[in-house]
Amino acid sequence: MAVKVQIPAPLRSLTGGQAEVELDAADVGGLIEGDADGNLRSYVRLFVNDEDVRFLKDKATPLKTGDTVAIVPAIAGGASV
């Protein structure tokens, strides 16, 4: 099943500069590798068709042809006013 994966700018060096790649996977877990415990890192959010996988089935969230998965690294910082 081909799904589109949107790659954030900080990770594009891993995809040869591509902002989007197409991959085959039956679920989110098939697209990614977690940490040594097999979990997703807390500072990376994954969205399937604009829905946060944490509120779906996490890594077991099923994918179908045409779905879009967005990888969104958490960003902190800023200045107080």
C-alpha atoms as a PDB file:
ATOM      1  CA  MET A   1       0.000   0.000   0.000  1.00  0.00           C
ATOM      2  CA  ALA A   2       1.629   3.226  -1.094  1.00  0.00           C
ATOM      3  CA  VAL A   3       1.310   6.066   1.399  1.00  0.00           C
ATOM      4  CA  LYS A   4       2.839   9.526   1.190  1.00  0.00           C
ATOM      5  CA  VAL A   5       5.186  10.482   4.005  1.00  0.00           C
ATOM      6  CA  GLN A   6       5.911  14.177   4.509  1.00  0.00           C
ATOM      7  CA  ILE A   7       9.483  14.713   5.676  1.00  0.00           C
ATOM      8  CA  PRO A   8      10.317  17.751   7.852  1.00  0.00           C
ATOM      9  CA  ALA A   9      13.278  19.908   6.788  1.00  0.00           C
ATOM     10  CA  PRO A  10      15.623  18.684   9.580  1.00  0.00           C
ATOM     11  CA  LEU A  11      15.250  15.083   8.353  1.00  0.00           C
ATOM     12  CA  ARG A  12      15.465  15.649   4.596  1.00  0.00           C
ATOM     13  CA  SER A  13      19.159  14.831   4.507  1.00  0.00           C
ATOM     14  CA  LEU A  14      18.012  11.241   5.165  1.00  0.00           C
ATOM     15  CA  THR A  15      15.823  11.280   2.038  1.00  0.00           C
ATOM     16  CA  GLY A  16      18.217  12.954  -0.379  1.00  0.00           C
ATOM     17  CA  GLY A  17      16.487  16.299   0.121  1.00  0.00           C
ATOM     18  CA  GLN A  18      13.030  15.023  -0.744  1.00  0.00           C
ATOM     19  CA  ALA A  19      10.146  16.679   1.101  1.00  0.00           C
ATOM     20  CA  GLU A  20       7.863  13.712   0.461  1.00  0.00           C
ATOM     21  CA  VAL A  21       8.422  10.022  -0.167  1.00  0.00           C
ATOM     22  CA  GLU A  22       6.069   7.164  -0.994  1.00  0.00           C
ATOM     23  CA  LEU A  23       6.364   3.926   0.941  1.00  0.00           C
ATOM     24  CA  ASP A  24       4.449   0.700   1.320  1.00  0.00           C
ATOM     25  CA  ALA A  25       3.250  -0.199   4.815  1.00  0.00           C
ATOM     26  CA  ALA A  26       0.130  -1.713   6.359  1.00  0.00           C
ATOM     27  CA  ASP A  27       0.400   0.376   9.532  1.00  0.00           C
ATOM     28  CA  VAL A  28       2.387   3.213  11.096  1.00  0.00           C
ATOM     29  CA  GLY A  29       4.732   0.759  12.808  1.00  0.00           C
ATOM     30  CA  GLY A  30       5.698  -0.547   9.382  1.00  0.00           C
ATOM     31  CA  LEU A  31       6.902   2.930   8.400  1.00  0.00           C
ATOM     32  CA  ILE A  32       9.076   3.726  11.382  1.00  0.00           C
ATOM     33  CA  GLU A  33      11.472   2.276  13.883  1.00  0.00           C
ATOM     34  CA  GLY A  34      11.021   3.156  17.529  1.00  0.00           C
ATOM     35  CA  ASP A  35      13.655   3.366  20.233  1.00  0.00           C
ATOM     36  CA  ALA A  36      15.301   0.327  21.806  1.00  0.00           C
ATOM     37  CA  ASP A  37      12.001  -0.445  23.580  1.00  0.00           C
ATOM     38  CA  GLY A  38      10.089  -0.254  20.304  1.00  0.00           C
ATOM     39  CA  ASN A  39       8.291   2.968  21.264  1.00  0.00           C
ATOM     40  CA  LEU A  40       7.932   6.245  19.432  1.00  0.00           C
ATOM     41  CA  ARG A  41      10.047   9.095  20.746  1.00  0.00           C
ATOM     42  CA  SER A  42       7.988  11.572  22.770  1.00  0.00           C
ATOM     43  CA  TYR A  43       9.349  14.551  20.851  1.00  0.00           C
ATOM     44  CA  VAL A  44       8.192  13.296  17.455  1.00  0.00           C
ATOM     45  CA  ARG A  45       4.541  13.423  16.455  1.00  0.00           C
ATOM     46  CA  LEU A  46       3.066  11.396  13.622  1.00  0.00           C
ATOM     47  CA  PHE A  47      -0.165  12.333  11.904  1.00  0.00           C
ATOM     48  CA  VAL A  48      -2.180  10.189   9.519  1.00  0.00           C
ATOM     49  CA  ASN A  49      -4.441  12.348   7.377  1.00  0.00           C
ATOM     50  CA  ASP A  50      -4.141  15.173   9.956  1.00  0.00           C
ATOM     51  CA  GLU A  51      -5.022  12.896  12.917  1.00  0.00           C
ATOM     52  CA  ASP A  52      -2.438  12.421  15.677  1.00  0.00           C
ATOM     53  CA  VAL A  53      -1.653   8.685  15.914  1.00  0.00           C
ATOM     54  CA  ARG A  54      -1.523   8.976  19.713  1.00  0.00           C
ATOM     55  CA  PHE A  55      -5.307   9.417  19.597  1.00  0.00           C
ATOM     56  CA  LEU A  56      -5.803   6.648  17.053  1.00  0.00           C
ATOM     57  CA  LYS A  57      -4.023   3.312  17.488  1.00  0.00           C
ATOM     58  CA  ASP A  58      -0.472   4.663  17.803  1.00  0.00           C
ATOM     59  CA  LYS A  59       1.923   2.391  15.881  1.00  0.00           C
ATOM     60  CA  ALA A  60      -0.937  -0.004  15.092  1.00  0.00           C
ATOM     61  CA  THR A  61      -2.817   2.714  13.201  1.00  0.00           C
ATOM     62  CA  PRO A  62      -3.719   1.088   9.881  1.00  0.00           C
ATOM     63  CA  LEU A  63      -2.726   2.715   6.598  1.00  0.00           C
ATOM     64  CA  LYS A  64      -4.345   2.486   3.207  1.00  0.00           C
ATOM     65  CA  THR A  65      -3.281   3.517  -0.262  1.00  0.00           C
ATOM     66  CA  GLY A  66      -3.402   7.286  -0.628  1.00  0.00           C
ATOM     67  CA  ASP A  67      -3.004   8.112   3.080  1.00  0.00           C
ATOM     68  CA  THR A  68      -0.641  10.906   4.040  1.00  0.00           C
ATOM     69  CA  VAL A  69       1.637  10.544   7.058  1.00  0.00           C
ATOM     70  CA  ALA A  70       3.283  13.680   8.428  1.00  0.00           C
ATOM     71  CA  ILE A  71       6.330  13.552  10.689  1.00  0.00           C
ATOM     72  CA  VAL A  72       6.349  16.570  12.984  1.00  0.00           C
ATOM     73  CA  PRO A  73       9.283  17.011  15.382  1.00  0.00           C
ATOM     74  CA  ALA A  74       8.401  18.913  18.547  1.00  0.00           C
ATOM     75  CA  ILE A  75       9.814  22.409  18.617  1.00  0.00           C
ATOM     76  CA  ALA A  76      10.413  24.346  21.807  1.00  0.00           C
ATOM     77  CA  GLY A  77      11.806  27.714  22.523  1.00  0.00           C
ATOM     78  CA  GLY A  78      10.877  31.299  22.066  1.00  0.00           C
ATOM     79  CA  ALA A  79      11.242  34.290  24.245  1.00  0.00           C
ATOM     80  CA  SER A  80       9.054  35.781  26.915  1.00  0.00           C
ATOM     81  CA  VAL A  81       7.690  39.226  26.285  1.00  0.00           C
END
